[in-house]
C-alpha atoms as a PDB file:
ATOM      1  CA  MET A   1     -50.345  -4.344  -3.701  1.00  0.00           C
ATOM      2  CA  GLY A   2     -53.143  -2.457  -5.377  1.00  0.00           C
ATOM      3  CA  HIS A   3     -52.200  -3.612  -8.898  1.00  0.00           C
ATOM      4  CA  GLN A   4     -54.602  -4.489 -11.677  1.00  0.00           C
ATOM      5  CA  LYS A   5     -56.205  -7.927 -11.843  1.00  0.00           C
ATOM      6  CA  ASP A   6     -54.020 -10.993 -12.346  1.00  0.00           C
ATOM      7  CA  PRO A   7     -52.750 -11.607 -15.903  1.00  0.00           C
ATOM      8  CA  PRO A   8     -53.899 -14.691 -17.855  1.00  0.00           C
ATOM      9  CA  LYS A   9     -52.262 -18.013 -16.964  1.00  0.00           C
ATOM     10  CA  LYS A  10     -50.244 -18.193 -20.203  1.00  0.00           C
ATOM     11  CA  THR A  11     -48.834 -14.725 -19.584  1.00  0.00           C
ATOM     12  CA  LYS A  12     -47.905 -15.745 -16.027  1.00  0.00           C
ATOM     13  CA  GLU A  13     -46.075 -18.808 -17.315  1.00  0.00           C
ATOM     14  CA  GLU A  14     -44.152 -16.710 -19.842  1.00  0.00           C
ATOM     15  CA  HIS A  15     -43.301 -14.243 -17.075  1.00  0.00           C
ATOM     16  CA  ILE A  16     -41.926 -16.990 -14.821  1.00  0.00           C
ATOM     17  CA  LYS A  17     -39.804 -18.251 -17.721  1.00  0.00           C
ATOM     18  CA  ASN A  18     -38.421 -14.721 -18.153  1.00  0.00           C
ATOM     19  CA  LEU A  19     -37.576 -14.487 -14.439  1.00  0.00           C
ATOM     20  CA  ILE A  20     -35.885 -17.886 -14.598  1.00  0.00           C
ATOM     21  CA  GLN A  21     -33.762 -16.723 -17.528  1.00  0.00           C
ATOM     22  CA  ILE A  22     -32.736 -13.605 -15.591  1.00  0.00           C
ATOM     23  CA  ILE A  23     -31.580 -15.789 -12.692  1.00  0.00           C
ATOM     24  CA  ARG A  24     -29.712 -18.217 -14.930  1.00  0.00           C
ATOM     25  CA  SER A  25     -27.847 -15.399 -16.656  1.00  0.00           C
ATOM     26  CA  SER A  26     -26.838 -13.690 -13.420  1.00  0.00           C
ATOM     27  CA  ASP A  27     -23.408 -13.727 -11.783  1.00  0.00           C
ATOM     28  CA  THR A  28     -23.323 -16.309  -8.965  1.00  0.00           C
ATOM     29  CA  HIS A  29     -19.573 -16.795  -8.572  1.00  0.00           C
ATOM     30  CA  HIS A  30     -18.603 -14.831  -5.472  1.00  0.00           C
ATOM     31  CA  THR A  31     -16.240 -16.683  -3.139  1.00  0.00           C
ATOM     32  CA  ILE A  32     -17.112 -18.120   0.253  1.00  0.00           C
ATOM     33  CA  THR A  33     -14.596 -17.521   3.044  1.00  0.00           C
ATOM     34  CA  PRO A  34     -14.513 -19.781   6.125  1.00  0.00           C
ATOM     35  CA  THR A  35     -14.863 -18.309   9.615  1.00  0.00           C
ATOM     36  CA  THR A  36     -12.496 -18.930  12.526  1.00  0.00           C
ATOM     37  CA  GLU A  37     -15.203 -20.740  14.506  1.00  0.00           C
ATOM     38  CA  ARG A  38     -14.730 -24.361  15.454  1.00  0.00           C
ATOM     39  CA  PRO A  39     -17.551 -26.870  15.107  1.00  0.00           C
ATOM     40  CA  ARG A  40     -19.324 -28.077  18.232  1.00  0.00           C
ATOM     41  CA  LEU A  41     -21.309 -31.185  17.479  1.00  0.00           C
ATOM     42  CA  LYS A  42     -23.474 -33.430  19.616  1.00  0.00           C
ATOM     43  CA  VAL A  43     -26.201 -35.925  18.867  1.00  0.00           C
ATOM     44  CA  LEU A  44     -29.711 -34.507  19.218  1.00  0.00           C
ATOM     45  CA  LYS A  45     -32.168 -37.330  19.783  1.00  0.00           C
ATOM     46  CA  GLY A  46     -35.761 -37.308  18.603  1.00  0.00           C
ATOM     47  CA  ILE A  47     -35.407 -34.796  15.744  1.00  0.00           C
ATOM     48  CA  ARG A  48     -38.050 -35.372  13.062  1.00  0.00           C
ATOM     49  CA  ALA A  49     -37.935 -32.174  11.004  1.00  0.00           C
ATOM     50  CA  ILE A  50     -35.122 -29.824  10.021  1.00  0.00           C
ATOM     51  CA  ILE A  51     -35.981 -26.224   9.298  1.00  0.00           C
ATOM     52  CA  PHE A  52     -33.555 -23.922   7.503  1.00  0.00           C
ATOM     53  CA  ASP A  53     -32.981 -20.236   7.148  1.00  0.00           C
ATOM     54  CA  VAL A  54     -32.201 -19.278   3.529  1.00  0.00           C
ATOM     55  CA  TYR A  55     -29.844 -16.302   3.162  1.00  0.00           C
ATOM     56  CA  GLY A  56     -26.489 -16.967   4.740  1.00  0.00           C
ATOM     57  CA  THR A  57     -27.379 -20.586   5.496  1.00  0.00           C
ATOM     58  CA  ILE A  58     -28.319 -22.531   2.367  1.00  0.00           C
ATOM     59  CA  LEU A  59     -27.867 -19.608  -0.033  1.00  0.00           C
ATOM     60  CA  SER A  60     -24.745 -17.484   0.122  1.00  0.00           C
ATOM     61  CA  SER A  61     -25.262 -13.909  -1.063  1.00  0.00           C
ATOM     62  CA  ALA A  62     -22.835 -11.052  -1.654  1.00  0.00           C
ATOM     63  CA  ALA A  63     -24.318  -9.095   1.252  1.00  0.00           C
ATOM     64  CA  GLY A  64     -24.642 -12.126   3.500  1.00  0.00           C
ATOM     65  CA  ASP A  65     -28.366 -11.373   3.732  1.00  0.00           C
ATOM     66  CA  ILE A  66     -31.323 -10.334   1.574  1.00  0.00           C
ATOM     67  CA  SER A  67     -31.032  -6.867   0.017  1.00  0.00           C
ATOM     68  CA  THR A  68     -33.689  -5.343   2.309  1.00  0.00           C
ATOM     69  CA  ALA A  69     -31.177  -5.717   5.149  1.00  0.00           C
ATOM     70  CA  MET A  70     -28.299  -4.058   3.294  1.00  0.00           C
ATOM     71  CA  ALA A  71     -26.786  -0.753   4.378  1.00  0.00           C
ATOM     72  CA  THR A  72     -23.607  -0.564   2.301  1.00  0.00           C
ATOM     73  CA  GLN A  73     -23.388   0.807  -1.221  1.00  0.00           C
ATOM     74  CA  ASP A  74     -19.690   0.541  -2.048  1.00  0.00           C
ATOM     75  CA  HIS A  75     -19.822  -2.539  -4.269  1.00  0.00           C
ATOM     76  CA  VAL A  76     -22.580  -1.187  -6.549  1.00  0.00           C
ATOM     77  CA  ALA A  77     -21.128   2.261  -7.256  1.00  0.00           C
ATOM     78  CA  ILE A  78     -20.424   1.688 -10.969  1.00  0.00           C
ATOM     79  CA  ARG A  79     -23.330  -0.613 -11.833  1.00  0.00           C
ATOM     80  CA  LYS A  80     -26.487   0.479 -13.610  1.00  0.00           C
ATOM     81  CA  LEU A  81     -30.028  -0.759 -14.235  1.00  0.00           C
ATOM     82  CA  THR A  82     -32.222   0.153 -17.186  1.00  0.00           C
ATOM     83  CA  VAL A  83     -35.906   0.711 -16.420  1.00  0.00           C
ATOM     84  CA  HIS A  84     -38.271   1.605 -19.267  1.00  0.00           C
ATOM     85  CA  SER A  85     -35.390   2.762 -21.477  1.00  0.00           C
ATOM     86  CA  HIS A  86     -34.018   4.975 -18.690  1.00  0.00           C
ATOM     87  CA  THR A  87     -30.654   4.017 -17.209  1.00  0.00           C
ATOM     88  CA  TYR A  88     -30.052   4.621 -13.495  1.00  0.00           C
ATOM     89  CA  SER A  89     -27.027   4.028 -11.304  1.00  0.00           C
ATOM     90  CA  LEU A  90     -27.527   1.218  -8.814  1.00  0.00           C
ATOM     91  CA  LYS A  91     -26.172   3.481  -6.106  1.00  0.00           C
ATOM     92  CA  ASP A  92     -28.990   5.959  -6.729  1.00  0.00           C
ATOM     93  CA  LEU A  93     -31.582   3.188  -6.851  1.00  0.00           C
ATOM     94  CA  MET A  94     -30.207   1.643  -3.661  1.00  0.00           C
ATOM     95  CA  GLN A  95     -30.460   4.972  -1.850  1.00  0.00           C
ATOM     96  CA  ARG A  96     -34.086   5.296  -2.960  1.00  0.00           C
ATOM     97  CA  PHE A  97     -34.748   1.666  -2.025  1.00  0.00           C
ATOM     98  CA  ILE A  98     -33.248   1.862   1.465  1.00  0.00           C
ATOM     99  CA  SER A  99     -35.056   5.148   2.120  1.00  0.00           C
ATOM    100  CA  GLU A 100     -38.440   3.714   1.103  1.00  0.00           C
ATOM    101  CA  VAL A 101     -37.879   0.505   3.100  1.00  0.00           C
ATOM    102  CA  ASP A 102     -36.988   2.576   6.176  1.00  0.00           C
ATOM    103  CA  HIS A 103     -40.061   4.764   5.698  1.00  0.00           C
ATOM    104  CA  THR A 104     -42.346   1.741   5.348  1.00  0.00           C
ATOM    105  CA  HIS A 105     -40.784   0.081   8.404  1.00  0.00           C
ATOM    106  CA  ASN A 106     -41.243   3.220  10.483  1.00  0.00           C
ATOM    107  CA  MET A 107     -44.901   3.499   9.500  1.00  0.00           C
ATOM    108  CA  ALA A 108     -45.498  -0.131  10.485  1.00  0.00           C
ATOM    109  CA  LYS A 109     -43.653   0.277  13.786  1.00  0.00           C
ATOM    110  CA  ALA A 110     -45.834   3.284  14.573  1.00  0.00           C
ATOM    111  CA  LYS A 111     -48.814   0.921  14.224  1.00  0.00           C
ATOM    112  CA  GLY A 112     -47.343  -1.454  16.799  1.00  0.00           C
ATOM    113  CA  ILE A 113     -45.500  -3.951  14.572  1.00  0.00           C
ATOM    114  CA  PRO A 114     -42.022  -4.268  16.153  1.00  0.00           C
ATOM    115  CA  TYR A 115     -40.324  -6.150  13.302  1.00  0.00           C
ATOM    116  CA  PRO A 116     -42.194  -5.363  10.080  1.00  0.00           C
ATOM    117  CA  GLU A 117     -41.426  -6.848   6.691  1.00  0.00           C
ATOM    118  CA  VAL A 118     -41.957  -5.161   3.344  1.00  0.00           C
ATOM    119  CA  ASP A 119     -42.975  -6.574  -0.003  1.00  0.00           C
ATOM    120  CA  VAL A 120     -40.362  -5.243  -2.408  1.00  0.00           C
ATOM    121  CA  ARG A 121     -42.906  -5.109  -5.205  1.00  0.00           C
ATOM    122  CA  THR A 122     -44.802  -2.450  -3.277  1.00  0.00           C
ATOM    123  CA  ILE A 123     -41.544  -0.658  -2.495  1.00  0.00           C
ATOM    124  CA  TRP A 124     -40.521  -0.519  -6.141  1.00  0.00           C
ATOM    125  CA  LYS A 125     -43.984   0.510  -7.294  1.00  0.00           C
ATOM    126  CA  THR A 126     -43.743   3.526  -4.977  1.00  0.00           C
ATOM    127  CA  ILE A 127     -40.171   4.320  -6.071  1.00  0.00           C
ATOM    128  CA  PHE A 128     -40.947   4.132  -9.780  1.00  0.00           C
ATOM    129  CA  ALA A 129     -44.040   6.299  -9.337  1.00  0.00           C
ATOM    130  CA  GLY A 130     -41.861   8.913  -7.633  1.00  0.00           C
ATOM    131  CA  MET A 131     -39.445   8.800 -10.566  1.00  0.00           C
ATOM    132  CA  GLN A 132     -42.327   9.759 -12.867  1.00  0.00           C
ATOM    133  CA  LEU A 133     -42.014   6.624 -14.960  1.00  0.00           C
ATOM    134  CA  PRO A 134     -45.028   5.369 -16.904  1.00  0.00           C
ATOM    135  CA  PRO A 135     -47.241   3.003 -14.887  1.00  0.00           C
ATOM    136  CA  LEU A 136     -45.636  -0.432 -14.706  1.00  0.00           C
ATOM    137  CA  THR A 137     -47.376  -3.799 -14.753  1.00  0.00           C
ATOM    138  CA  VAL A 138     -46.955  -6.333 -11.946  1.00  0.00           C
ATOM    139  CA  HIS A 139     -44.683  -8.375 -14.188  1.00  0.00           C
ATOM    140  CA  GLU A 140     -42.491  -5.404 -15.044  1.00  0.00           C
ATOM    141  CA  ILE A 141     -42.096  -4.509 -11.372  1.00  0.00           C
ATOM    142  CA  GLU A 142     -41.163  -8.095 -10.524  1.00  0.00           C
ATOM    143  CA  LYS A 143     -38.624  -8.199 -13.353  1.00  0.00           C
ATOM    144  CA  TYR A 144     -36.879  -5.002 -12.243  1.00  0.00           C
ATOM    145  CA  ALA A 145     -37.035  -6.018  -8.569  1.00  0.00           C
ATOM    146  CA  LEU A 146     -35.328  -9.322  -9.398  1.00  0.00           C
ATOM    147  CA  GLN A 147     -32.723  -7.658 -11.623  1.00  0.00           C
ATOM    148  CA  TYR A 148     -31.918  -5.198  -8.842  1.00  0.00           C
ATOM    149  CA  GLU A 149     -31.555  -7.973  -6.261  1.00  0.00           C
ATOM    150  CA  LEU A 150     -29.259 -10.033  -8.460  1.00  0.00           C
ATOM    151  CA  LEU A 151     -27.074  -7.026  -9.302  1.00  0.00           C
ATOM    152  CA  VAL A 152     -26.634  -5.709  -5.767  1.00  0.00           C
ATOM    153  CA  ASN A 153     -26.796  -9.037  -3.974  1.00  0.00           C
ATOM    154  CA  PRO A 154     -25.968 -12.037  -6.208  1.00  0.00           C
ATOM    155  CA  SER A 155     -26.655 -15.426  -4.643  1.00  0.00           C
ATOM    156  CA  ARG A 156     -25.282 -18.936  -5.007  1.00  0.00           C
ATOM    157  CA  SER A 157     -25.840 -22.227  -3.235  1.00  0.00           C
ATOM    158  CA  MET A 158     -23.874 -22.771  -0.038  1.00  0.00           C
ATOM    159  CA  PRO A 159     -21.264 -25.560  -0.275  1.00  0.00           C
ATOM    160  CA  GLU A 160     -22.565 -28.915   0.943  1.00  0.00           C
ATOM    161  CA  ALA A 161     -26.130 -27.582   1.213  1.00  0.00           C
ATOM    162  CA  SER A 162     -27.657 -29.443  -1.704  1.00  0.00           C
ATOM    163  CA  HIS A 163     -26.425 -32.970  -1.055  1.00  0.00           C
ATOM    164  CA  THR A 164     -26.858 -32.564   2.730  1.00  0.00           C
ATOM    165  CA  ILE A 165     -30.515 -31.582   2.454  1.00  0.00           C
ATOM    166  CA  GLN A 166     -31.190 -34.277  -0.141  1.00  0.00           C
ATOM    167  CA  ARG A 167     -29.663 -36.887   2.166  1.00  0.00           C
ATOM    168  CA  LEU A 168     -31.701 -35.688   5.139  1.00  0.00           C
ATOM    169  CA  SER A 169     -34.874 -35.841   3.070  1.00  0.00           C
ATOM    170  CA  ARG A 170     -34.090 -39.413   1.963  1.00  0.00           C
ATOM    171  CA  GLN A 171     -33.588 -40.331   5.611  1.00  0.00           C
ATOM    172  CA  GLY A 172     -37.167 -39.262   6.299  1.00  0.00           C
ATOM    173  CA  TYR A 173     -36.745 -35.821   7.848  1.00  0.00           C
ATOM    174  CA  ILE A 174     -39.276 -33.175   6.920  1.00  0.00           C
ATOM    175  CA  ILE A 175     -37.505 -30.181   5.377  1.00  0.00           C
ATOM    176  CA  GLY A 176     -38.943 -26.722   5.969  1.00  0.00           C
ATOM    177  CA  ILE A 177     -37.978 -23.051   5.922  1.00  0.00           C
ATOM    178  CA  VAL A 178     -38.432 -19.963   8.070  1.00  0.00           C
ATOM    179  CA  SER A 179     -36.744 -17.042   6.383  1.00  0.00           C
ATOM    180  CA  ASN A 180     -36.703 -13.333   5.824  1.00  0.00           C
ATOM    181  CA  ALA A 181     -37.474 -13.442   2.129  1.00  0.00           C
ATOM    182  CA  GLN A 182     -39.189 -11.884  -0.877  1.00  0.00           C
ATOM    183  CA  PHE A 183     -41.285 -13.146  -3.775  1.00  0.00           C
ATOM    184  CA  PHE A 184     -38.161 -14.141  -5.718  1.00  0.00           C
ATOM    185  CA  THR A 185     -36.595 -16.239  -2.939  1.00  0.00           C
ATOM    186  CA  PRO A 186     -38.475 -19.490  -3.707  1.00  0.00           C
ATOM    187  CA  LEU A 187     -37.637 -19.001  -7.380  1.00  0.00           C
ATOM    188  CA  LEU A 188     -33.934 -18.576  -6.550  1.00  0.00           C
ATOM    189  CA  LEU A 189     -34.037 -21.866  -4.660  1.00  0.00           C
ATOM    190  CA  ARG A 190     -35.868 -23.546  -7.529  1.00  0.00           C
ATOM    191  CA  ILE A 191     -33.200 -22.506 -10.051  1.00  0.00           C
ATOM    192  CA  LEU A 192     -29.990 -22.421  -7.991  1.00  0.00           C
ATOM    193  CA  MET A 193     -30.797 -25.504  -5.886  1.00  0.00           C
ATOM    194  CA  PRO A 194     -33.374 -27.549  -7.838  1.00  0.00           C
ATOM    195  CA  GLU A 195     -32.770 -30.773  -5.911  1.00  0.00           C
ATOM    196  CA  VAL A 196     -33.248 -28.956  -2.597  1.00  0.00           C
ATOM    197  CA  TYR A 197     -36.345 -27.180  -3.840  1.00  0.00           C
ATOM    198  CA  ALA A 198     -37.852 -30.556  -4.702  1.00  0.00           C
ATOM    199  CA  THR A 199     -37.398 -31.804  -1.118  1.00  0.00           C
ATOM    200  CA  ILE A 200     -39.025 -28.812   0.587  1.00  0.00           C
ATOM    201  CA  ASN A 201     -42.602 -29.209   1.739  1.00  0.00           C
ATOM    202  CA  THR A 202     -44.164 -25.836   0.936  1.00  0.00           C
ATOM    203  CA  ARG A 203     -46.680 -26.275   3.754  1.00  0.00           C
ATOM    204  CA  TYR A 204     -43.772 -25.971   6.168  1.00  0.00           C
ATOM    205  CA  CYS A 205     -42.311 -22.799   4.655  1.00  0.00           C
ATOM    206  CA  ILE A 206     -42.800 -19.464   6.388  1.00  0.00           C
ATOM    207  CA  TRP A 207     -41.749 -16.495   4.247  1.00  0.00           C
ATOM    208  CA  SER A 208     -41.536 -13.101   5.941  1.00  0.00           C
ATOM    209  CA  TYR A 209     -42.912 -11.102   3.008  1.00  0.00           C
ATOM    210  CA  LYS A 210     -46.116 -13.156   3.075  1.00  0.00           C
ATOM    211  CA  GLU A 211     -46.552 -12.665   6.817  1.00  0.00           C
ATOM    212  CA  GLY A 212     -45.764  -8.935   6.967  1.00  0.00           C
ATOM    213  CA  ILE A 213     -43.312  -9.505   9.820  1.00  0.00           C
ATOM    214  CA  ALA A 214     -39.617 -10.350   9.887  1.00  0.00           C
ATOM    215  CA  LYS A 215     -37.124 -12.041  12.139  1.00  0.00           C
ATOM    216  CA  PRO A 216     -36.412 -11.607  14.996  1.00  0.00           C
ATOM    217  CA  ASP A 217     -40.181 -11.733  15.489  1.00  0.00           C
ATOM    218  CA  THR A 218     -40.728 -15.152  17.046  1.00  0.00           C
ATOM    219  CA  ALA A 219     -44.267 -15.210  15.615  1.00  0.00           C
ATOM    220  CA  LEU A 220     -42.779 -16.547  12.371  1.00  0.00           C
ATOM    221  CA  PHE A 221     -41.541 -19.602  14.253  1.00  0.00           C
ATOM    222  CA  THR A 222     -44.798 -19.993  16.137  1.00  0.00           C
ATOM    223  CA  ARG A 223     -46.672 -20.047  12.844  1.00  0.00           C
ATOM    224  CA  LEU A 224     -44.432 -22.871  11.661  1.00  0.00           C
ATOM    225  CA  ILE A 225     -45.014 -24.866  14.838  1.00  0.00           C
ATOM    226  CA  ASP A 226     -48.769 -24.412  14.413  1.00  0.00           C
ATOM    227  CA  VAL A 227     -48.730 -26.301  11.086  1.00  0.00           C
ATOM    228  CA  MET A 228     -46.110 -28.922  11.908  1.00  0.00           C
ATOM    229  CA  PRO A 229     -47.226 -32.497  12.693  1.00  0.00           C
ATOM    230  CA  TYR A 230     -44.502 -32.795  15.349  1.00  0.00           C
ATOM    231  CA  GLN A 231     -43.775 -31.264  18.739  1.00  0.00           C
ATOM    232  CA  LYS A 232     -41.510 -28.198  18.889  1.00  0.00           C
ATOM    233  CA  HIS A 233     -38.698 -30.106  20.614  1.00  0.00           C
ATOM    234  CA  GLU A 234     -38.651 -32.469  17.607  1.00  0.00           C
ATOM    235  CA  LEU A 235     -37.757 -29.589  15.287  1.00  0.00           C
ATOM    236  CA  LEU A 236     -34.160 -28.520  14.572  1.00  0.00           C
ATOM    237  CA  PHE A 237     -33.605 -25.025  13.209  1.00  0.00           C
ATOM    238  CA  VAL A 238     -30.426 -24.246  11.254  1.00  0.00           C
ATOM    239  CA  GLY A 239     -29.385 -20.634  10.731  1.00  0.00           C
ATOM    240  CA  ASN A 240     -26.408 -18.283  10.559  1.00  0.00           C
ATOM    241  CA  ASP A 241     -27.650 -15.502  12.856  1.00  0.00           C
ATOM    242  CA  MET A 242     -27.558 -15.775  16.651  1.00  0.00           C
ATOM    243  CA  LYS A 243     -30.429 -13.300  17.101  1.00  0.00           C
ATOM    244  CA  ASN A 244     -32.657 -13.838  14.083  1.00  0.00           C
ATOM    245  CA  ASP A 245     -32.245 -17.611  14.004  1.00  0.00           C
ATOM    246  CA  ILE A 246     -30.872 -19.181  17.168  1.00  0.00           C
ATOM    247  CA  TRP A 247     -32.475 -16.853  19.713  1.00  0.00           C
ATOM    248  CA  CYS A 248     -35.832 -16.934  17.921  1.00  0.00           C
ATOM    249  CA  ALA A 249     -35.949 -20.711  17.537  1.00  0.00           C
ATOM    250  CA  SER A 250     -34.816 -21.331  21.108  1.00  0.00           C
ATOM    251  CA  GLN A 251     -37.495 -18.977  22.464  1.00  0.00           C
ATOM    252  CA  VAL A 252     -40.247 -21.163  21.012  1.00  0.00           C
ATOM    253  CA  GLY A 253     -38.668 -24.445  22.155  1.00  0.00           C
ATOM    254  CA  MET A 254     -36.917 -25.670  19.013  1.00  0.00           C
ATOM    255  CA  LYS A 255     -33.473 -27.245  18.962  1.00  0.00           C
ATOM    256  CA  THR A 256     -30.843 -25.107  17.218  1.00  0.00           C
ATOM    257  CA  ALA A 257     -27.736 -25.405  15.052  1.00  0.00           C
ATOM    258  CA  LEU A 258     -25.718 -22.263  14.329  1.00  0.00           C
ATOM    259  CA  PHE A 259     -24.147 -22.270  10.878  1.00  0.00           C
ATOM    260  CA  ALA A 260     -20.751 -20.545  10.989  1.00  0.00           C
ATOM    261  CA  GLY A 261     -19.351 -21.596   7.627  1.00  0.00           C
ATOM    262  CA  ASP A 262     -19.437 -18.330   5.671  1.00  0.00           C
ATOM    263  CA  ALA A 263     -17.593 -15.268   7.013  1.00  0.00           C
ATOM    264  CA  ARG A 264     -19.702 -12.946   4.869  1.00  0.00           C
ATOM    265  CA  SER A 265     -22.977 -14.049   6.402  1.00  0.00           C
ATOM    266  CA  TYR A 266     -22.048 -15.275   9.880  1.00  0.00           C
ATOM    267  CA  ARG A 267     -23.796 -13.169  12.528  1.00  0.00           C
ATOM    268  CA  PRO A 268     -22.592 -14.133  16.053  1.00  0.00           C
ATOM    269  CA  ARG A 269     -24.006 -10.887  17.570  1.00  0.00           C
ATOM    270  CA  THR A 270     -21.476 -11.027  20.387  1.00  0.00           C
ATOM    271  CA  GLN A 271     -22.258  -7.455  21.509  1.00  0.00           C
ATOM    272  CA  GLU A 272     -26.019  -7.997  21.865  1.00  0.00           C
ATOM    273  CA  ASP A 273     -27.286  -8.662  25.376  1.00  0.00           C
ATOM    274  CA  SER A 274     -30.253 -10.691  24.152  1.00  0.00           C
ATOM    275  CA  VAL A 275     -28.048 -13.547  22.933  1.00  0.00           C
ATOM    276  CA  LYS A 276     -25.336 -13.590  25.603  1.00  0.00           C
ATOM    277  CA  ASN A 277     -26.994 -16.436  27.498  1.00  0.00           C
ATOM    278  CA  ILE A 278     -28.155 -18.304  24.401  1.00  0.00           C
ATOM    279  CA  ILE A 279     -26.132 -21.393  23.529  1.00  0.00           C
ATOM    280  CA  PRO A 280     -26.915 -23.232  20.285  1.00  0.00           C
ATOM    281  CA  ASP A 281     -27.200 -26.998  20.581  1.00  0.00           C
ATOM    282  CA  CYS A 282     -24.649 -27.372  17.792  1.00  0.00           C
ATOM    283  CA  ILE A 283     -22.249 -25.148  15.852  1.00  0.00           C
ATOM    284  CA  LEU A 284     -21.586 -26.109  12.230  1.00  0.00           C
ATOM    285  CA  THR A 285     -18.763 -24.884  10.035  1.00  0.00           C
ATOM    286  CA  SER A 286     -20.013 -27.005   7.147  1.00  0.00           C
ATOM    287  CA  LEU A 287     -23.572 -28.092   6.535  1.00  0.00           C
ATOM    288  CA  ASP A 288     -22.557 -31.718   6.032  1.00  0.00           C
ATOM    289  CA  GLN A 289     -21.752 -31.790   9.767  1.00  0.00           C
ATOM    290  CA  LEU A 290     -25.506 -31.910  10.392  1.00  0.00           C
ATOM    291  CA  SER A 291     -25.380 -35.681  10.062  1.00  0.00           C
ATOM    292  CA  SER A 292     -23.192 -35.837  13.167  1.00  0.00           C
ATOM    293  CA  CYS A 293     -25.894 -34.025  15.134  1.00  0.00           C
ATOM    294  CA  LEU A 294     -28.668 -36.468  14.307  1.00  0.00           C
ATOM    295  CA  SER A 295     -29.226 -39.960  15.705  1.00  0.00           C
ATOM    296  CA  SER A 296     -29.317 -42.658  13.063  1.00  0.00           C
END
């Protein structure tokens, strides 16, 4: 990101503790509304690893996605964020944020990257510089980026996610992730779903912000397959988005389960031609239905 050299280890540890406290003090109590979908379950034989999307699948968020995908501003109109003793409306910050994300995406697309991903730390560094604030440290930028995310897009664990994933891990399935995400996403999982976080093998986690590309780029899924010890047909991907999750995973040969348990995040994409002929292997309206899709 072009920041100064890394802070000392002790300072990093103190910073992580501060971020954890911010998460623990945030509002995570938005409601989850069921969809009108009906489950479609069948036993998928030979599955050895289960890979999850995060936002809208195992984490429910107010926007149904990560904030970089948000376009609405209505629910943040009266909220504010204080940065270096200056108080700004979240609506103003969101407008700046969306504009800078769009600009960065367009620059990357002009270089031939069809589905680019940003690092929000770089986005906020640019925004704050344009607001003529004093230079901010890496830790300060991460703190404000996390505070912004939690204010505009609070997250909570999806019902049934924690005990379902723990049970699958105990049964011997490898648990992995392919997700559009930011630096704070693993930390959210660590704090909001500690038991799940403990089951995830970090080697089998593909985070978009680290790769510089986002779903629906199938390269994210290919990169997972490249490090997995199993064949692609032995991998089951679970996600809430027909294009970003089910289409992508099916294109690289993975089995698929569409999660349709949260009306806020469910993305059937019924008007998109690319998914009209794509049929998920299973449709879940609750994550605990995964057990019915796996052979004992």
